[in-house]
PDB file of all heavy atoms in Angstrom:
ATOM      1  N   ALA A   1     101.320  78.798 133.438  1.00  0.00           N
ATOM      2  CA  ALA A   1     102.728  78.898 133.681  1.00  0.00           C
ATOM      3  C   ALA A   1     103.545  79.284 132.461  1.00  0.00           C
ATOM      4  O   ALA A   1     104.632  79.863 132.586  1.00  0.00           O
ATOM      5  CB  ALA A   1     103.269  77.513 134.164  1.00  0.00           C
ATOM      6  N   GLY A   2     102.997  79.153 131.227  1.00  0.00           N
ATOM      7  CA  GLY A   2     103.700  79.450 130.039  1.00  0.00           C
ATOM      8  C   GLY A   2     103.654  80.915 129.694  1.00  0.00           C
ATOM      9  O   GLY A   2     104.149  81.340 128.646  1.00  0.00           O
ATOM     10  N   VAL A   3     103.036  81.801 130.544  1.00  0.00           N
ATOM     11  CA  VAL A   3     102.843  83.203 130.295  1.00  0.00           C
ATOM     12  C   VAL A   3     104.177  83.921 129.981  1.00  0.00           C
ATOM     13  O   VAL A   3     104.197  84.819 129.158  1.00  0.00           O
ATOM     14  CB  VAL A   3     102.096  83.895 131.404  1.00  0.00           C
ATOM     15  CG1 VAL A   3     102.904  83.932 132.714  1.00  0.00           C
ATOM     16  CG2 VAL A   3     101.664  85.311 131.014  1.00  0.00           C
ATOM     17  N   GLY A   4     105.235  83.483 130.619  1.00  0.00           N
ATOM     18  CA  GLY A   4     106.503  84.085 130.416  1.00  0.00           C
ATOM     19  C   GLY A   4     107.054  84.015 128.991  1.00  0.00           C
ATOM     20  O   GLY A   4     107.923  84.759 128.561  1.00  0.00           O
ATOM     21  N   PHE A   5     106.468  83.102 128.168  1.00  0.00           N
ATOM     22  CA  PHE A   5     107.003  82.975 126.840  1.00  0.00           C
ATOM     23  C   PHE A   5     106.322  83.970 125.872  1.00  0.00           C
ATOM     24  O   PHE A   5     106.788  84.101 124.775  1.00  0.00           O
ATOM     25  CB  PHE A   5     106.628  81.544 126.284  1.00  0.00           C
ATOM     26  CG  PHE A   5     107.304  81.173 125.038  1.00  0.00           C
ATOM     27  CD1 PHE A   5     108.662  80.784 125.045  1.00  0.00           C
ATOM     28  CD2 PHE A   5     106.706  81.207 123.838  1.00  0.00           C
ATOM     29  CE1 PHE A   5     109.349  80.438 123.896  1.00  0.00           C
ATOM     30  CE2 PHE A   5     107.316  80.862 122.677  1.00  0.00           C
ATOM     31  CZ  PHE A   5     108.615  80.469 122.720  1.00  0.00           C
ATOM     32  N   LEU A   6     105.270  84.697 126.318  1.00  0.00           N
ATOM     33  CA  LEU A   6     104.573  85.639 125.456  1.00  0.00           C
ATOM     34  C   LEU A   6     105.549  86.741 124.872  1.00  0.00           C
ATOM     35  O   LEU A   6     105.533  86.964 123.722  1.00  0.00           O
ATOM     36  CB  LEU A   6     103.405  86.231 126.140  1.00  0.00           C
ATOM     37  CG  LEU A   6     102.222  85.310 126.468  1.00  0.00           C
ATOM     38  CD1 LEU A   6     101.085  86.075 127.183  1.00  0.00           C
ATOM     39  CD2 LEU A   6     101.724  84.648 125.194  1.00  0.00           C
ATOM     40  N   PRO A   7     106.335  87.403 125.717  1.00  0.00           N
ATOM     41  CA  PRO A   7     107.230  88.356 125.159  1.00  0.00           C
ATOM     42  C   PRO A   7     108.249  87.745 124.253  1.00  0.00           C
ATOM     43  O   PRO A   7     108.712  88.345 123.224  1.00  0.00           O
ATOM     44  CB  PRO A   7     107.841  89.081 126.349  1.00  0.00           C
ATOM     45  CG  PRO A   7     107.643  88.175 127.482  1.00  0.00           C
ATOM     46  CD  PRO A   7     106.354  87.461 127.199  1.00  0.00           C
ATOM     47  N   VAL A   8     108.683  86.576 124.594  1.00  0.00           N
ATOM     48  CA  VAL A   8     109.701  85.857 123.718  1.00  0.00           C
ATOM     49  C   VAL A   8     109.016  85.541 122.377  1.00  0.00           C
ATOM     50  O   VAL A   8     109.703  85.657 121.337  1.00  0.00           O
ATOM     51  CB  VAL A   8     110.128  84.489 124.407  1.00  0.00           C
ATOM     52  CG1 VAL A   8     111.077  83.726 123.543  1.00  0.00           C
ATOM     53  CG2 VAL A   8     110.798  84.830 125.804  1.00  0.00           C
ATOM     54  N   SER A   9     107.774  85.172 122.444  1.00  0.00           N
ATOM     55  CA  SER A   9     107.077  84.873 121.179  1.00  0.00           C
ATOM     56  C   SER A   9     107.016  86.039 120.269  1.00  0.00           C
ATOM     57  O   SER A   9     107.157  85.941 119.050  1.00  0.00           O
ATOM     58  CB  SER A   9     105.598  84.399 121.549  1.00  0.00           C
ATOM     59  OG  SER A   9     104.818  84.274 120.380  1.00  0.00           O
ATOM     60  N   PHE A  10     106.805  87.222 120.804  1.00  0.00           N
ATOM     61  CA  PHE A  10     106.736  88.432 119.998  1.00  0.00           C
ATOM     62  C   PHE A  10     108.149  88.702 119.366  1.00  0.00           C
ATOM     63  O   PHE A  10     108.212  89.026 118.176  1.00  0.00           O
ATOM     64  CB  PHE A  10     106.306  89.680 120.834  1.00  0.00           C
ATOM     65  CG  PHE A  10     106.237  90.927 120.070  1.00  0.00           C
ATOM     66  CD1 PHE A  10     105.240  91.177 119.154  1.00  0.00           C
ATOM     67  CD2 PHE A  10     107.217  91.912 120.282  1.00  0.00           C
ATOM     68  CE1 PHE A  10     105.188  92.335 118.445  1.00  0.00           C
ATOM     69  CE2 PHE A  10     107.216  93.061 119.622  1.00  0.00           C
ATOM     70  CZ  PHE A  10     106.193  93.302 118.631  1.00  0.00           C
ATOM     71  N   ILE A  11     109.184  88.532 120.081  1.00  0.00           N
ATOM     72  CA  ILE A  11     110.528  88.706 119.577  1.00  0.00           C
ATOM     73  C   ILE A  11     110.851  87.713 118.519  1.00  0.00           C
ATOM     74  O   ILE A  11     111.426  88.020 117.409  1.00  0.00           O
ATOM     75  CB  ILE A  11     111.564  88.606 120.746  1.00  0.00           C
ATOM     76  CG1 ILE A  11     111.396  89.761 121.714  1.00  0.00           C
ATOM     77  CG2 ILE A  11     112.966  88.602 120.141  1.00  0.00           C
ATOM     78  CD1 ILE A  11     112.182  89.651 122.983  1.00  0.00           C
ATOM     79  N   LEU A  12     110.381  86.451 118.718  1.00  0.00           N
ATOM     80  CA  LEU A  12     110.587  85.396 117.727  1.00  0.00           C
ATOM     81  C   LEU A  12     109.764  85.764 116.417  1.00  0.00           C
ATOM     82  O   LEU A  12     110.277  85.370 115.313  1.00  0.00           O
ATOM     83  CB  LEU A  12     110.174  84.035 118.261  1.00  0.00           C
ATOM     84  CG  LEU A  12     111.069  83.496 119.340  1.00  0.00           C
ATOM     85  CD1 LEU A  12     110.387  82.230 119.941  1.00  0.00           C
ATOM     86  CD2 LEU A  12     112.437  83.181 118.840  1.00  0.00           C
ATOM     87  N   PHE A  13     108.619  86.317 116.582  1.00  0.00           N
ATOM     88  CA  PHE A  13     107.891  86.763 115.331  1.00  0.00           C
ATOM     89  C   PHE A  13     108.681  87.806 114.575  1.00  0.00           C
ATOM     90  O   PHE A  13     108.764  87.708 113.309  1.00  0.00           O
ATOM     91  CB  PHE A  13     106.508  87.299 115.755  1.00  0.00           C
ATOM     92  CG  PHE A  13     105.813  88.018 114.624  1.00  0.00           C
ATOM     93  CD1 PHE A  13     105.215  87.207 113.635  1.00  0.00           C
ATOM     94  CD2 PHE A  13     105.790  89.331 114.465  1.00  0.00           C
ATOM     95  CE1 PHE A  13     104.575  87.792 112.533  1.00  0.00           C
ATOM     96  CE2 PHE A  13     105.150  89.951 113.422  1.00  0.00           C
ATOM     97  CZ  PHE A  13     104.547  89.146 112.436  1.00  0.00           C
ATOM     98  N   LEU A  14     109.259  88.735 115.235  1.00  0.00           N
ATOM     99  CA  LEU A  14     110.101  89.750 114.556  1.00  0.00           C
ATOM    100  C   LEU A  14     111.284  89.055 113.899  1.00  0.00           C
ATOM    101  O   LEU A  14     111.823  89.525 112.833  1.00  0.00           O
ATOM    102  CB  LEU A  14     110.583  90.792 115.531  1.00  0.00           C
ATOM    103  CG  LEU A  14     109.448  91.634 116.225  1.00  0.00           C
ATOM    104  CD1 LEU A  14     110.062  92.657 117.181  1.00  0.00           C
ATOM    105  CD2 LEU A  14     108.565  92.306 115.181  1.00  0.00           C
ATOM    106  N   GLY A  15     111.748  87.969 114.502  1.00  0.00           N
ATOM    107  CA  GLY A  15     112.844  87.170 113.896  1.00  0.00           C
ATOM    108  C   GLY A  15     112.547  86.540 112.590  1.00  0.00           C
ATOM    109  O   GLY A  15     113.447  86.131 111.849  1.00  0.00           O
ATOM    110  N   LEU A  16     111.239  86.515 112.229  1.00  0.00           N
ATOM    111  CA  LEU A  16     110.839  86.015 110.919  1.00  0.00           C
ATOM    112  C   LEU A  16     111.232  86.975 109.747  1.00  0.00           C
ATOM    113  O   LEU A  16     111.327  86.551 108.580  1.00  0.00           O
ATOM    114  CB  LEU A  16     109.370  85.708 110.816  1.00  0.00           C
ATOM    115  CG  LEU A  16     108.816  84.526 111.639  1.00  0.00           C
ATOM    116  CD1 LEU A  16     107.300  84.538 111.651  1.00  0.00           C
ATOM    117  CD2 LEU A  16     109.347  83.222 111.106  1.00  0.00           C
ATOM    118  N   TRP A  17     111.417  88.223 110.091  1.00  0.00           N
ATOM    119  CA  TRP A  17     111.661  89.254 109.015  1.00  0.00           C
ATOM    120  C   TRP A  17     112.890  88.927 108.189  1.00  0.00           C
ATOM    121  O   TRP A  17     112.809  88.966 106.903  1.00  0.00           O
ATOM    122  CB  TRP A  17     111.828  90.565 109.718  1.00  0.00           C
ATOM    123  CG  TRP A  17     112.140  91.713 108.779  1.00  0.00           C
ATOM    124  CD1 TRP A  17     113.369  92.252 108.462  1.00  0.00           C
ATOM    125  CD2 TRP A  17     111.213  92.384 107.859  1.00  0.00           C
ATOM    126  NE1 TRP A  17     113.254  93.264 107.510  1.00  0.00           N
ATOM    127  CE2 TRP A  17     111.965  93.303 107.088  1.00  0.00           C
ATOM    128  CE3 TRP A  17     109.828  92.298 107.643  1.00  0.00           C
ATOM    129  CZ2 TRP A  17     111.408  94.197 106.139  1.00  0.00           C
ATOM    130  CZ3 TRP A  17     109.260  93.159 106.714  1.00  0.00           C
ATOM    131  CH2 TRP A  17     110.010  94.071 106.020  1.00  0.00           C
ATOM    132  N   PRO A  18     114.047  88.530 108.724  1.00  0.00           N
ATOM    133  CA  PRO A  18     115.168  88.250 107.824  1.00  0.00           C
ATOM    134  C   PRO A  18     114.946  87.030 106.929  1.00  0.00           C
ATOM    135  O   PRO A  18     115.586  86.956 105.865  1.00  0.00           O
ATOM    136  CB  PRO A  18     116.303  87.862 108.858  1.00  0.00           C
ATOM    137  CG  PRO A  18     115.893  88.525 110.110  1.00  0.00           C
ATOM    138  CD  PRO A  18     114.385  88.489 110.156  1.00  0.00           C
ATOM    139  N   GLY A  19     114.020  86.161 107.286  1.00  0.00           N
ATOM    140  CA  GLY A  19     113.752  84.989 106.445  1.00  0.00           C
ATOM    141  C   GLY A  19     112.527  85.190 105.544  1.00  0.00           C
ATOM    142  O   GLY A  19     112.084  84.176 104.922  1.00  0.00           O
ATOM    143  N   ARG A  20     112.037  86.357 105.426  1.00  0.00           N
ATOM    144  CA  ARG A  20     110.751  86.540 104.671  1.00  0.00           C
ATOM    145  C   ARG A  20     110.849  86.107 103.221  1.00  0.00           C
ATOM    146  O   ARG A  20     109.905  85.556 102.676  1.00  0.00           O
ATOM    147  CB  ARG A  20     110.336  88.048 104.747  1.00  0.00           C
ATOM    148  CG  ARG A  20     111.325  89.032 104.124  1.00  0.00           C
ATOM    149  CD  ARG A  20     111.080  90.454 104.530  1.00  0.00           C
ATOM    150  NE  ARG A  20     111.962  91.405 103.955  1.00  0.00           N
ATOM    151  CZ  ARG A  20     113.184  91.633 104.359  1.00  0.00           C
ATOM    152  NH1 ARG A  20     113.682  91.046 105.367  1.00  0.00           N
ATOM    153  NH2 ARG A  20     113.964  92.539 103.732  1.00  0.00           N
ATOM    154  N   ASN A  21     111.965  86.369 102.597  1.00  0.00           N
ATOM    155  CA  ASN A  21     112.113  86.039 101.173  1.00  0.00           C
ATOM    156  C   ASN A  21     112.161  84.538 100.940  1.00  0.00           C
ATOM    157  O   ASN A  21     111.759  84.018  99.841  1.00  0.00           O
ATOM    158  CB  ASN A  21     113.362  86.610 100.563  1.00  0.00           C
ATOM    159  CG  ASN A  21     113.210  88.139 100.459  1.00  0.00           C
ATOM    160  OD1 ASN A  21     112.155  88.711 100.042  1.00  0.00           O
ATOM    161  ND2 ASN A  21     114.285  88.922 100.896  1.00  0.00           N
ATOM    162  N   GLU A  22     112.562  83.779 101.920  1.00  0.00           N
ATOM    163  CA  GLU A  22     112.654  82.285 101.788  1.00  0.00           C
ATOM    164  C   GLU A  22     111.279  81.672 102.242  1.00  0.00           C
ATOM    165  O   GLU A  22     111.026  80.575 101.918  1.00  0.00           O
ATOM    166  CB  GLU A  22     113.761  81.703 102.600  1.00  0.00           C
ATOM    167  CG  GLU A  22     115.159  82.216 102.070  1.00  0.00           C
ATOM    168  CD  GLU A  22     116.234  81.228 102.384  1.00  0.00           C
ATOM    169  OE1 GLU A  22     116.021  80.008 102.232  1.00  0.00           O
ATOM    170  OE2 GLU A  22     117.303  81.662 102.753  1.00  0.00           O
ATOM    171  N   LEU A  23     110.466  82.372 103.039  1.00  0.00           N
ATOM    172  CA  LEU A  23     109.241  81.847 103.532  1.00  0.00           C
ATOM    173  C   LEU A  23     108.074  82.161 102.599  1.00  0.00           C
ATOM    174  O   LEU A  23     107.153  81.309 102.391  1.00  0.00           O
ATOM    175  CB  LEU A  23     108.893  82.374 104.943  1.00  0.00           C
ATOM    176  CG  LEU A  23     109.810  81.924 106.053  1.00  0.00           C
ATOM    177  CD1 LEU A  23     109.512  82.654 107.313  1.00  0.00           C
ATOM    178  CD2 LEU A  23     109.630  80.434 106.329  1.00  0.00           C
ATOM    179  N   PHE A  24     108.059  83.358 102.060  1.00  0.00           N
ATOM    180  CA  PHE A  24     106.809  83.808 101.340  1.00  0.00           C
ATOM    181  C   PHE A  24     107.140  83.987  99.851  1.00  0.00           C
ATOM    182  O   PHE A  24     107.790  84.981  99.461  1.00  0.00           O
ATOM    183  CB  PHE A  24     106.378  85.133 101.949  1.00  0.00           C
ATOM    184  CG  PHE A  24     106.137  85.028 103.476  1.00  0.00           C
ATOM    185  CD1 PHE A  24     106.843  85.861 104.333  1.00  0.00           C
ATOM    186  CD2 PHE A  24     105.243  84.142 103.965  1.00  0.00           C
ATOM    187  CE1 PHE A  24     106.625  85.810 105.676  1.00  0.00           C
ATOM    188  CE2 PHE A  24     104.965  84.055 105.349  1.00  0.00           C
ATOM    189  CZ  PHE A  24     105.721  84.878 106.191  1.00  0.00           C
ATOM    190  N   PHE A  25     106.708  83.072  99.056  1.00  0.00           N
ATOM    191  CA  PHE A  25     106.905  83.101  97.638  1.00  0.00           C
ATOM    192  C   PHE A  25     106.339  84.355  96.975  1.00  0.00           C
ATOM    193  O   PHE A  25     106.838  84.815  95.972  1.00  0.00           O
ATOM    194  CB  PHE A  25     106.307  81.814  96.948  1.00  0.00           C
ATOM    195  CG  PHE A  25     104.857  81.877  96.817  1.00  0.00           C
ATOM    196  CD1 PHE A  25     104.257  82.344  95.639  1.00  0.00           C
ATOM    197  CD2 PHE A  25     104.060  81.428  97.904  1.00  0.00           C
ATOM    198  CE1 PHE A  25     102.892  82.431  95.571  1.00  0.00           C
ATOM    199  CE2 PHE A  25     102.672  81.525  97.733  1.00  0.00           C
ATOM    200  CZ  PHE A  25     102.052  81.967  96.656  1.00  0.00           C
ATOM    201  N   TRP A  26     105.249  84.876  97.557  1.00  0.00           N
ATOM    202  CA  TRP A  26     104.506  85.979  96.943  1.00  0.00           C
ATOM    203  C   TRP A  26     105.212  87.274  97.021  1.00  0.00           C
ATOM    204  O   TRP A  26     104.799  88.275  96.412  1.00  0.00           O
ATOM    205  CB  TRP A  26     103.080  86.060  97.538  1.00  0.00           C
ATOM    206  CG  TRP A  26     103.028  85.897  99.005  1.00  0.00           C
ATOM    207  CD1 TRP A  26     102.712  84.745  99.680  1.00  0.00           C
ATOM    208  CD2 TRP A  26     103.277  86.882  99.983  1.00  0.00           C
ATOM    209  NE1 TRP A  26     102.743  84.937 101.008  1.00  0.00           N
ATOM    210  CE2 TRP A  26     103.074  86.274 101.291  1.00  0.00           C
ATOM    211  CE3 TRP A  26     103.675  88.240  99.997  1.00  0.00           C
ATOM    212  CZ2 TRP A  26     103.293  86.951 102.458  1.00  0.00           C
ATOM    213  CZ3 TRP A  26     103.880  88.907 101.125  1.00  0.00           C
ATOM    214  CH2 TRP A  26     103.649  88.298 102.392  1.00  0.00           C
TER     215      TRP A  26
END
């Protein structure tokens, strides 16, 4: 039943881009 979240998951992954400098010290 959770299959509908898969496209949402991909969009949320792209949402990590603005926070990259605070997430990845390297």
